[in-house]
Amino acid sequence: MSVWSRIGLRTRLLLSVGAGAIVVAFIVGILSRPMLVERAIRSKGASLLAVARVAGKMAPQDPSSWKEFAYKLQETLPGHQVFLLEGELDSEEFLANSARLGVNRESALGAFGFGEHLSTPSPASKGVYEALVLLKSPDKRALLGIRTNDGSDTSSPETIWHLWLLALFLGSTMGILLGYFFAYFLLIRQLAEPLRVCAKFVPSRGKARGDMALLVDGIRAIEKAEKQERARAERLSLELKRMREDLKGAQATLLRAEKLASVGELAAGIAHEIGNPIGVIMGLSELLAEGQVDAKSASSFARQISEAAERVHTIIKDLLAFARPKRDEGVLCDVGEVISATVDLLRPQKRMRDVEVIQDVEKGGLYAEIRASQLQQVLVNLMLNSADAMEGKGRIIVRARKREGSVFVEVEDDGPGVPLHLREKIFDPFFTTKPVGEGTGLGLTISAQIIGIYGGDITVHDAVELKGALFRVRLWEAMRESG
């Protein structure tokens, strides 16, 4: 095992942060050194200029005393050269003295123009600072100059190197401490929980190896466990698939059995409903065939035979409508108009004469995806059923509302209502609560099929305002094309 693998996460992090901080500190130090040198040069020049300003303020007003003042100033400023340039800028005396003392004409011109001038070191001046101030009297002007005379290269002073090294050390130290501080909270503390989890997967080697080795071993152990779980999940998936296939087979068997039972129930219902009128037809036909009845009885028998045949015809017609409901694509109807037309259609009916019908249709137009005649057929069945349940006396409320993309049509009556144990059966074929011979038991079944082929449904509930039953029809809302 290598030494590097034994090094913990904190040590690696400290080494990484320290190396990065030192590199950054060196780069910043190298980039900032010219600024430090320039600042040091400006600081030293500003100090020299300040001394020169004070000396200019302290100079006597008498021009004859300026040389003596310059001499005494020289004694108080060791390490500096103090000089006096008398005369005007372009005079021979001034030019000769400035050439002897090495004063630049541009520097002298600046001092005469602005009252002072500072010359900072350059390659030509060999690290010499020079400050010039203007001395004035009513009849004479002169320049008082103070110059550093050590001749050292102040562009790289020893003190600047010391400051730079100190800043480098402090920057590196602060970078290491701050980097480790933030890394601890952002990385080490976040890895503490994964390391504890990995230690649970590899407990025997958790203490003998470093953090990184433990993390690697833990990840490998988790990966191995994940592969095992994946294999187990695949096996369970295959088992579930086989169980689903078996369930589908059982479901298909049950569906076939249910279809056969439904066909048998339907056949029994048809036999029962058709059997009675056919028996009437056969019995009366035999009596007529024997010729032993009088004319009045024969007329009565013929009328009964016609009524029985008409009942058989009605049952067959309802069966055809039940077996082959047809949907018209792209149709829509005005629900309010259909409700109004249905009420007008049923008003002359004998069993509707003593029934009060209240229409409660939402304003603004309601359009549903269904053919108007088919919706009217559904409403006729529902309203006639309500009238029969009330025995031809009472109130019916027909409502229409739209909500969340659907149109709801409700038919509510104040009859006896539908018992809970019958609500799941009333939509079955040939189920009826009416006396024998007064209903086929297909009205609600056909209505449910018509609504179903348009994506809607019919449900039965307790009445909201009245005391009877409430049938709710849900249809998809249709958008009427403008123009």
Protein backbone atom coordinates (compact mmCIF):
# COMPACT_ATOMS: atom_id res chain seq x y z
CA MET A 1 0.00 0.00 0.00
CA SER A 2 1.48 3.38 -1.03
CA VAL A 3 1.95 6.28 1.36
CA TRP A 4 -0.36 8.46 -0.73
CA SER A 5 -3.25 6.01 -0.25
CA ARG A 6 -2.88 6.31 3.55
CA ILE A 7 -3.26 10.09 3.47
CA GLY A 8 -6.69 11.12 4.68
CA LEU A 9 -9.14 13.41 2.98
CA ARG A 10 -8.43 16.34 5.32
CA THR A 11 -4.66 16.12 4.74
CA ARG A 12 -5.13 15.95 0.98
CA LEU A 13 -7.44 18.88 1.12
CA LEU A 14 -5.01 20.91 3.26
CA LEU A 15 -2.12 20.17 0.87
CA SER A 16 -4.23 21.04 -2.16
CA VAL A 17 -5.52 24.26 -0.66
CA GLY A 18 -2.05 25.23 0.58
CA ALA A 19 -0.41 24.65 -2.80
CA GLY A 20 -3.15 26.61 -4.53
CA ALA A 21 -2.92 29.48 -2.04
CA ILE A 22 0.87 29.71 -2.41
CA VAL A 23 0.64 29.72 -6.21
CA VAL A 24 -2.07 32.37 -6.15
CA ALA A 25 -0.09 34.45 -3.64
CA PHE A 26 3.03 34.32 -5.84
CA ILE A 27 1.06 35.32 -8.93
CA VAL A 28 -0.64 38.16 -7.08
CA GLY A 29 2.70 39.23 -5.57
CA ILE A 30 4.43 39.30 -8.93
CA LEU A 31 1.60 41.28 -10.46
CA SER A 32 1.42 43.70 -7.52
CA ARG A 33 5.19 44.33 -7.18
CA PRO A 34 5.30 47.12 -9.82
CA MET A 35 2.42 48.86 -8.06
CA LEU A 36 4.22 48.58 -4.71
CA VAL A 37 7.44 49.98 -6.22
CA GLU A 38 5.56 52.83 -7.88
CA ARG A 39 3.69 53.59 -4.66
CA ALA A 40 6.96 53.57 -2.68
CA ILE A 41 8.56 55.93 -5.20
CA ARG A 42 5.59 58.29 -5.04
CA SER A 43 5.57 58.15 -1.25
CA LYS A 44 9.28 59.03 -1.00
CA GLY A 45 8.92 61.80 -3.60
CA ALA A 46 5.84 63.20 -1.81
CA SER A 47 7.83 63.32 1.45
CA LEU A 48 10.69 65.17 -0.24
CA LEU A 49 8.29 67.65 -1.87
CA ALA A 50 6.60 68.26 1.50
CA VAL A 51 9.99 69.12 3.03
CA ALA A 52 10.68 71.46 0.15
CA ARG A 53 7.31 73.20 0.62
CA VAL A 54 7.97 73.74 4.31
CA ALA A 55 11.43 75.12 3.51
CA GLY A 56 9.90 77.48 0.92
CA LYS A 57 7.45 78.78 3.52
CA MET A 58 10.26 79.31 6.03
CA ALA A 59 12.57 81.11 3.58
CA PRO A 60 13.21 84.83 4.45
CA GLN A 61 11.67 87.60 2.35
CA ASP A 62 15.03 89.27 1.82
CA PRO A 63 16.71 87.78 -1.30
CA SER A 64 20.16 88.50 0.15
CA SER A 65 19.49 85.92 2.90
CA TRP A 66 18.45 83.09 0.62
CA LYS A 67 21.98 81.66 0.21
CA GLU A 68 22.55 81.63 3.94
CA PHE A 69 19.15 79.96 4.46
CA ALA A 70 20.08 77.28 1.87
CA TYR A 71 23.37 76.68 3.67
CA LYS A 72 21.65 76.21 7.05
CA LEU A 73 19.00 73.96 5.46
CA GLN A 74 21.79 71.76 4.09
CA GLU A 75 23.05 71.21 7.66
CA THR A 76 19.59 70.10 8.84
CA LEU A 77 19.08 67.61 5.98
CA PRO A 78 21.94 65.10 6.00
CA GLY A 79 21.93 62.77 3.01
CA HIS A 80 20.33 65.45 0.82
CA GLN A 81 21.71 68.13 -1.48
CA VAL A 82 20.28 71.65 -1.05
CA PHE A 83 20.94 74.22 -3.77
CA LEU A 84 19.75 77.66 -4.88
CA LEU A 85 19.22 78.78 -8.49
CA GLU A 86 18.98 82.57 -8.73
CA GLY A 87 17.93 84.64 -11.71
CA GLU A 88 15.21 84.37 -14.31
CA LEU A 89 14.62 81.27 -16.34
CA ASP A 90 16.43 82.33 -19.52
CA SER A 91 19.18 84.43 -17.93
CA GLU A 92 22.84 83.46 -18.43
CA GLU A 93 23.37 83.15 -14.66
CA PHE A 94 20.44 80.77 -14.30
CA LEU A 95 21.43 78.67 -17.29
CA ALA A 96 25.03 78.34 -16.12
CA ASN A 97 24.02 77.37 -12.56
CA SER A 98 21.38 74.87 -13.75
CA ALA A 99 23.91 73.24 -16.08
CA ARG A 100 26.42 73.03 -13.22
CA LEU A 101 23.91 71.51 -10.82
CA GLY A 102 22.29 69.24 -13.45
CA VAL A 103 18.80 70.76 -13.18
CA ASN A 104 16.55 69.90 -16.12
CA ARG A 105 15.11 72.94 -17.93
CA GLU A 106 11.61 71.33 -18.05
CA SER A 107 11.74 70.86 -14.28
CA ALA A 108 12.75 74.50 -13.79
CA LEU A 109 10.04 75.64 -16.17
CA GLY A 110 7.46 73.65 -14.20
CA ALA A 111 8.64 75.15 -10.90
CA PHE A 112 8.47 78.71 -12.27
CA GLY A 113 5.02 78.05 -13.77
CA PHE A 114 3.33 76.17 -10.88
CA GLY A 115 5.44 77.20 -7.90
CA GLU A 116 6.87 73.69 -7.33
CA HIS A 117 8.04 70.60 -9.20
CA LEU A 118 9.01 67.03 -8.28
CA SER A 119 11.27 64.79 -10.35
CA THR A 120 11.01 61.05 -9.56
CA PRO A 121 13.73 58.49 -10.41
CA SER A 122 14.27 57.39 -13.97
CA PRO A 123 17.01 55.37 -15.65
CA ALA A 124 18.85 58.64 -16.43
CA SER A 125 18.60 60.04 -12.88
CA LYS A 126 19.94 56.83 -11.27
CA GLY A 127 17.39 56.79 -8.48
CA VAL A 128 17.65 60.51 -7.54
CA TYR A 129 14.61 62.50 -6.30
CA GLU A 130 14.56 66.24 -6.89
CA ALA A 131 12.10 68.80 -5.47
CA LEU A 132 12.05 72.46 -6.62
CA VAL A 133 10.08 75.31 -4.98
CA LEU A 134 9.82 78.92 -6.12
CA LEU A 135 11.10 81.70 -3.83
CA LYS A 136 9.67 85.14 -4.64
CA SER A 137 10.29 88.69 -3.54
CA PRO A 138 9.07 91.96 -5.04
CA ASP A 139 12.18 92.36 -7.18
CA LYS A 140 13.69 88.87 -7.51
CA ARG A 141 12.86 85.18 -8.01
CA ALA A 142 14.88 81.98 -7.37
CA LEU A 143 14.48 78.23 -7.13
CA LEU A 144 15.23 76.34 -3.90
CA GLY A 145 16.09 72.70 -4.69
CA ILE A 146 16.41 69.62 -2.47
CA ARG A 147 17.85 66.45 -3.98
CA THR A 148 18.63 62.98 -2.64
CA ASN A 149 22.35 62.42 -3.11
CA ASP A 150 22.75 58.72 -2.18
CA GLY A 151 22.53 57.66 -5.85
CA SER A 152 20.85 54.34 -5.02
CA ASP A 153 18.37 52.67 -7.37
CA THR A 154 15.12 53.32 -5.58
CA SER A 155 13.15 51.36 -8.19
CA SER A 156 13.99 48.20 -6.20
CA PRO A 157 14.48 49.35 -2.61
CA GLU A 158 15.24 46.78 0.00
CA THR A 159 12.24 47.78 2.07
CA ILE A 160 9.90 47.03 -0.86
CA TRP A 161 11.28 43.51 -1.08
CA HIS A 162 10.70 43.06 2.62
CA LEU A 163 7.13 44.29 2.35
CA TRP A 164 6.50 42.11 -0.68
CA LEU A 165 7.79 38.98 1.07
CA LEU A 166 5.71 39.81 4.15
CA ALA A 167 2.58 40.31 2.03
CA LEU A 168 3.35 37.04 0.23
CA PHE A 169 3.62 35.15 3.52
CA LEU A 170 0.47 36.70 4.99
CA GLY A 171 -1.49 36.14 1.78
CA SER A 172 -0.47 32.49 1.58
CA THR A 173 -1.30 31.89 5.24
CA MET A 174 -4.68 33.59 5.01
CA GLY A 175 -5.44 31.74 1.77
CA ILE A 176 -4.66 28.38 3.36
CA LEU A 177 -6.73 29.10 6.47
CA LEU A 178 -9.72 30.53 4.60
CA GLY A 179 -9.57 27.83 1.93
CA TYR A 180 -9.51 25.06 4.51
CA PHE A 181 -12.28 26.74 6.51
CA PHE A 182 -14.65 26.98 3.55
CA ALA A 183 -13.63 23.54 2.23
CA TYR A 184 -14.41 22.00 5.60
CA PHE A 185 -17.97 23.28 5.60
CA LEU A 186 -18.57 22.84 1.87
CA LEU A 187 -16.82 19.49 1.32
CA ILE A 188 -15.56 17.64 4.38
CA ARG A 189 -18.78 17.93 6.39
CA GLN A 190 -20.78 16.94 3.31
CA LEU A 191 -18.62 13.82 2.87
CA ALA A 192 -18.92 12.77 6.50
CA GLU A 193 -22.24 10.96 5.97
CA PRO A 194 -21.08 9.13 2.77
CA LEU A 195 -17.97 8.00 4.65
CA ARG A 196 -20.08 6.65 7.51
CA VAL A 197 -22.25 4.77 4.99
CA CYS A 198 -19.17 3.37 3.28
CA ALA A 199 -17.77 2.29 6.67
CA LYS A 200 -20.94 0.19 7.19
CA PHE A 201 -20.36 -1.61 3.89
CA VAL A 202 -16.65 -2.27 4.61
CA PRO A 203 -16.46 -2.33 8.44
CA SER A 204 -13.47 -4.65 8.61
CA ARG A 205 -11.21 -2.29 6.65
CA GLY A 206 -12.73 1.04 7.66
CA LYS A 207 -10.16 1.85 10.34
CA ALA A 208 -7.06 0.42 8.67
CA ARG A 209 -7.31 2.45 5.46
CA GLY A 210 -7.55 6.14 4.70
CA ASP A 211 -10.70 8.11 3.90
CA MET A 212 -10.23 7.98 0.13
CA ALA A 213 -9.57 4.23 0.12
CA LEU A 214 -12.60 3.71 2.35
CA LEU A 215 -14.71 5.83 0.00
CA VAL A 216 -13.54 3.84 -3.04
CA ASP A 217 -14.14 0.49 -1.31
CA GLY A 218 -17.55 1.65 -0.11
CA ILE A 219 -18.58 2.76 -3.60
CA ARG A 220 -17.47 -0.58 -5.02
CA ALA A 221 -19.42 -2.44 -2.33
CA ILE A 222 -22.51 -0.31 -3.02
CA GLU A 223 -22.10 -0.94 -6.75
CA LYS A 224 -21.91 -4.69 -6.10
CA ALA A 225 -25.01 -4.57 -3.89
CA GLU A 226 -26.80 -2.50 -6.54
CA LYS A 227 -25.99 -5.13 -9.19
CA GLN A 228 -27.36 -7.85 -6.93
CA GLU A 229 -30.53 -5.84 -6.31
CA ARG A 230 -30.87 -5.21 -10.03
CA ALA A 231 -30.59 -8.93 -10.77
CA ARG A 232 -33.18 -9.64 -8.06
CA ALA A 233 -35.46 -6.96 -9.52
CA GLU A 234 -35.11 -8.51 -12.98
CA ARG A 235 -36.08 -11.90 -11.58
CA LEU A 236 -39.07 -10.35 -9.81
CA SER A 237 -39.98 -8.55 -13.03
CA LEU A 238 -40.00 -11.84 -14.93
CA GLU A 239 -42.12 -13.44 -12.23
CA LEU A 240 -44.50 -10.47 -12.33
CA LYS A 241 -44.68 -10.70 -16.12
CA ARG A 242 -45.58 -14.39 -15.93
CA MET A 243 -48.18 -13.64 -13.25
CA ARG A 244 -49.60 -10.84 -15.40
CA GLU A 245 -49.87 -13.18 -18.39
CA ASP A 246 -51.62 -15.77 -16.23
CA LEU A 247 -53.92 -13.06 -14.92
CA LYS A 248 -54.70 -11.93 -18.47
CA GLY A 249 -55.58 -15.51 -19.39
CA ALA A 250 -57.83 -15.84 -16.34
CA GLN A 251 -59.38 -12.47 -17.11
CA ALA A 252 -60.08 -13.48 -20.71
CA THR A 253 -61.71 -16.68 -19.45
CA LEU A 254 -63.85 -14.72 -17.01
CA LEU A 255 -64.73 -12.22 -19.75
CA ARG A 256 -65.88 -15.02 -22.05
CA ALA A 257 -67.91 -16.52 -19.22
CA GLU A 258 -69.41 -13.11 -18.43
CA LYS A 259 -70.29 -12.60 -22.09
CA LEU A 260 -71.94 -15.97 -22.23
CA ALA A 261 -73.85 -15.15 -19.04
CA SER A 262 -74.88 -11.78 -20.50
CA VAL A 263 -76.03 -13.43 -23.71
CA GLY A 264 -77.98 -15.97 -21.71
CA GLU A 265 -79.53 -13.24 -19.56
CA LEU A 266 -80.35 -11.19 -22.65
CA ALA A 267 -81.88 -14.22 -24.38
CA ALA A 268 -83.93 -15.00 -21.28
CA GLY A 269 -85.15 -11.41 -21.15
CA ILE A 270 -86.07 -11.44 -24.83
CA ALA A 271 -87.87 -14.76 -24.45
CA HIS A 272 -89.79 -13.43 -21.47
CA GLU A 273 -90.72 -10.11 -23.08
CA ILE A 274 -91.68 -11.60 -26.46
CA GLY A 275 -93.19 -14.76 -25.07
CA ASN A 276 -96.23 -13.09 -23.53
CA PRO A 277 -97.43 -11.17 -26.63
CA ILE A 278 -96.67 -14.18 -28.89
CA GLY A 279 -98.72 -16.37 -26.57
CA VAL A 280 -101.56 -13.90 -26.84
CA ILE A 281 -101.27 -13.87 -30.63
CA MET A 282 -101.19 -17.67 -30.89
CA GLY A 283 -104.11 -18.20 -28.47
CA LEU A 284 -106.40 -15.66 -30.07
CA SER A 285 -105.42 -16.78 -33.57
CA GLU A 286 -106.48 -20.34 -32.74
CA LEU A 287 -109.84 -19.12 -31.47
CA LEU A 288 -110.34 -17.08 -34.64
CA ALA A 289 -109.30 -20.03 -36.77
CA GLU A 290 -111.92 -22.30 -35.18
CA GLY A 291 -114.59 -19.78 -36.22
CA GLN A 292 -116.59 -20.19 -33.01
CA VAL A 293 -116.55 -16.53 -31.97
CA ASP A 294 -119.02 -13.87 -32.87
CA ALA A 295 -118.18 -10.75 -34.86
CA LYS A 296 -117.81 -8.53 -31.81
CA SER A 297 -115.44 -10.94 -30.09
CA ALA A 298 -113.52 -11.44 -33.35
CA SER A 299 -113.01 -7.68 -33.62
CA SER A 300 -111.78 -7.54 -30.01
CA PHE A 301 -109.42 -10.50 -30.60
CA ALA A 302 -108.03 -8.83 -33.74
CA ARG A 303 -107.37 -5.64 -31.85
CA GLN A 304 -105.54 -7.57 -29.08
CA ILE A 305 -103.51 -9.46 -31.67
CA SER A 306 -102.51 -6.13 -33.28
CA GLU A 307 -101.47 -4.69 -29.91
CA ALA A 308 -99.43 -7.79 -29.09
CA ALA A 309 -97.72 -7.64 -32.50
CA GLU A 310 -97.01 -3.94 -31.99
CA ARG A 311 -95.38 -4.75 -28.64
CA VAL A 312 -93.17 -7.39 -30.30
CA HIS A 313 -92.25 -4.83 -32.99
CA THR A 314 -91.34 -2.25 -30.30
CA ILE A 315 -89.14 -4.77 -28.47
CA ILE A 316 -87.30 -5.73 -31.68
CA LYS A 317 -86.80 -2.07 -32.62
CA ASP A 318 -85.34 -1.31 -29.16
CA LEU A 319 -83.10 -4.36 -29.43
CA LEU A 320 -81.70 -3.10 -32.75
CA ALA A 321 -81.07 0.33 -31.25
CA PHE A 322 -79.40 -1.35 -28.29
CA ALA A 323 -77.18 -3.56 -30.45
CA ARG A 324 -76.12 -0.96 -33.04
CA PRO A 325 -75.88 2.53 -31.47
CA LYS A 326 -74.45 4.92 -34.06
CA ARG A 327 -72.20 7.90 -33.44
CA ASP A 328 -72.08 10.90 -35.76
CA GLU A 329 -68.60 12.47 -35.85
CA GLY A 330 -68.25 16.23 -35.57
CA VAL A 331 -71.87 16.92 -34.63
CA LEU A 332 -72.97 19.36 -31.94
CA CYS A 333 -76.28 20.54 -30.59
CA ASP A 334 -77.67 23.45 -28.61
CA VAL A 335 -78.56 21.76 -25.31
CA GLY A 336 -80.98 24.52 -24.29
CA GLU A 337 -82.92 24.24 -27.56
CA VAL A 338 -83.11 20.43 -27.28
CA ILE A 339 -84.45 20.67 -23.73
CA SER A 340 -87.07 23.23 -24.75
CA ALA A 341 -88.12 21.17 -27.79
CA THR A 342 -88.36 17.99 -25.68
CA VAL A 343 -90.58 19.70 -23.11
CA ASP A 344 -92.86 20.97 -25.88
CA LEU A 345 -92.93 17.50 -27.45
CA LEU A 346 -93.97 15.75 -24.22
CA ARG A 347 -96.45 18.34 -22.95
CA PRO A 348 -99.46 16.86 -24.87
CA GLN A 349 -98.71 13.35 -23.53
CA LYS A 350 -101.42 12.03 -21.20
CA ARG A 351 -98.99 11.07 -18.41
CA MET A 352 -97.34 14.54 -18.57
CA ARG A 353 -100.49 16.68 -18.32
CA ASP A 354 -100.38 17.02 -14.51
CA VAL A 355 -96.58 17.26 -14.35
CA GLU A 356 -94.93 20.68 -13.91
CA VAL A 357 -91.66 20.88 -15.84
CA ILE A 358 -89.14 23.58 -14.77
CA GLN A 359 -86.29 24.44 -17.13
CA ASP A 360 -83.08 25.78 -15.54
CA VAL A 361 -80.54 26.28 -18.36
CA GLU A 362 -77.36 28.31 -18.01
CA LYS A 363 -77.36 31.49 -20.08
CA GLY A 364 -74.91 32.14 -22.88
CA GLY A 365 -75.47 29.00 -24.95
CA LEU A 366 -74.53 25.39 -24.14
CA TYR A 367 -73.21 23.20 -26.94
CA ALA A 368 -72.44 19.49 -26.53
CA GLU A 369 -70.87 16.85 -28.79
CA ILE A 370 -73.99 14.78 -29.64
CA ARG A 371 -76.67 14.70 -32.32
CA ALA A 372 -79.75 16.67 -31.23
CA SER A 373 -82.19 13.80 -31.98
CA GLN A 374 -80.14 11.37 -29.88
CA LEU A 375 -79.98 13.77 -26.92
CA GLN A 376 -83.75 14.28 -27.28
CA GLN A 377 -84.26 10.49 -27.21
CA VAL A 378 -82.31 10.30 -23.94
CA LEU A 379 -84.27 13.18 -22.39
CA VAL A 380 -87.60 11.66 -23.46
CA ASN A 381 -86.68 8.37 -21.74
CA LEU A 382 -85.58 10.13 -18.55
CA MET A 383 -88.59 12.47 -18.35
CA LEU A 384 -91.12 9.74 -19.09
CA ASN A 385 -89.51 7.51 -16.45
CA SER A 386 -89.81 10.39 -13.96
CA ALA A 387 -93.47 10.92 -14.89
CA ASP A 388 -94.21 7.20 -14.47
CA ALA A 389 -92.41 7.16 -11.09
CA MET A 390 -94.60 10.10 -9.91
CA GLU A 391 -97.74 8.42 -11.35
CA GLY A 392 -98.35 11.46 -13.57
CA LYS A 393 -98.41 14.10 -10.81
CA GLY A 394 -95.52 16.21 -9.51
CA ARG A 395 -92.60 18.35 -10.63
CA ILE A 396 -89.61 17.74 -12.87
CA ILE A 397 -86.60 20.07 -12.99
CA VAL A 398 -84.39 19.92 -16.07
CA ARG A 399 -81.02 21.67 -15.53
CA ALA A 400 -78.07 22.30 -17.84
CA ARG A 401 -74.68 23.62 -16.77
CA LYS A 402 -71.14 23.61 -18.14
CA ARG A 403 -68.13 22.95 -15.95
CA GLU A 404 -64.46 22.12 -16.69
CA GLY A 405 -64.96 21.29 -20.37
CA SER A 406 -68.14 19.25 -19.86
CA VAL A 407 -71.87 19.92 -20.15
CA PHE A 408 -74.06 18.45 -17.40
CA VAL A 409 -77.79 17.86 -17.99
CA GLU A 410 -79.83 16.83 -14.94
CA VAL A 411 -83.40 15.50 -14.73
CA GLU A 412 -84.74 15.66 -11.17
CA ASP A 413 -88.20 14.58 -9.96
CA ASP A 414 -90.12 14.44 -6.68
CA GLY A 415 -91.08 10.77 -7.02
CA PRO A 416 -90.09 7.95 -4.65
CA GLY A 417 -86.48 7.95 -5.87
CA VAL A 418 -84.24 4.96 -6.72
CA PRO A 419 -83.22 2.68 -3.82
CA LEU A 420 -79.46 2.22 -3.34
CA HIS A 421 -79.58 -1.54 -3.99
CA LEU A 422 -81.19 -0.95 -7.41
CA ARG A 423 -78.93 1.85 -8.71
CA GLU A 424 -76.41 -0.57 -10.21
CA LYS A 425 -79.13 -2.58 -11.99
CA ILE A 426 -81.35 0.06 -13.56
CA PHE A 427 -79.06 0.35 -16.62
CA ASP A 428 -79.05 -3.42 -17.24
CA PRO A 429 -81.03 -4.68 -20.29
CA PHE A 430 -84.67 -5.63 -19.57
CA PHE A 431 -84.48 -4.49 -15.94
CA THR A 432 -87.60 -2.55 -14.98
CA THR A 433 -89.61 -1.78 -11.87
CA LYS A 434 -92.81 -1.22 -13.85
CA PRO A 435 -95.61 -3.76 -13.94
CA VAL A 436 -95.44 -6.53 -16.54
CA GLY A 437 -96.37 -5.29 -20.00
CA GLU A 438 -95.78 -1.58 -19.28
CA GLY A 439 -92.07 -1.35 -20.07
CA THR A 440 -89.37 -3.15 -22.03
CA GLY A 441 -86.52 -2.39 -19.60
CA LEU A 442 -84.36 -1.05 -22.45
CA GLY A 443 -84.94 2.73 -22.17
CA LEU A 444 -82.17 3.52 -19.67
CA THR A 445 -79.85 0.93 -21.26
CA ILE A 446 -80.20 2.50 -24.70
CA SER A 447 -79.82 6.00 -23.21
CA ALA A 448 -76.61 5.00 -21.43
CA GLN A 449 -75.25 3.49 -24.66
CA ILE A 450 -76.06 6.63 -26.68
CA ILE A 451 -74.31 8.86 -24.18
CA GLY A 452 -71.41 6.39 -23.88
CA ILE A 453 -70.55 6.39 -27.59
CA TYR A 454 -70.04 10.16 -27.34
CA GLY A 455 -67.64 9.79 -24.40
CA GLY A 456 -70.14 10.70 -21.68
CA ASP A 457 -72.01 8.85 -18.94
CA ILE A 458 -75.30 8.76 -17.01
CA THR A 459 -75.38 8.45 -13.22
CA VAL A 460 -78.23 8.40 -10.70
CA HIS A 461 -78.22 10.33 -7.41
CA ASP A 462 -80.52 11.54 -4.68
CA ALA A 463 -82.49 14.64 -5.58
CA VAL A 464 -81.03 18.04 -4.68
CA GLU A 465 -84.15 20.23 -4.40
CA LEU A 466 -86.95 17.68 -4.64
CA LYS A 467 -87.42 14.38 -2.81
CA GLY A 468 -87.09 11.91 -5.67
CA ALA A 469 -84.30 10.82 -8.03
CA LEU A 470 -81.76 12.82 -10.03
CA PHE A 471 -80.30 11.50 -13.30
CA ARG A 472 -77.12 13.34 -14.37
CA VAL A 473 -75.90 13.20 -17.98
CA ARG A 474 -72.32 14.29 -18.69
CA LEU A 475 -71.28 15.22 -22.26
CA TRP A 476 -68.20 16.87 -23.75
CA GLU A 477 -68.59 20.58 -24.37
CA ALA A 478 -68.42 21.58 -28.04
CA MET A 479 -67.17 24.94 -29.34
CA ARG A 480 -69.52 26.50 -31.88
CA GLU A 481 -67.75 27.79 -34.97
CA SER A 482 -68.12 31.54 -35.43
CA GLY A 483 -69.60 32.91 -38.67
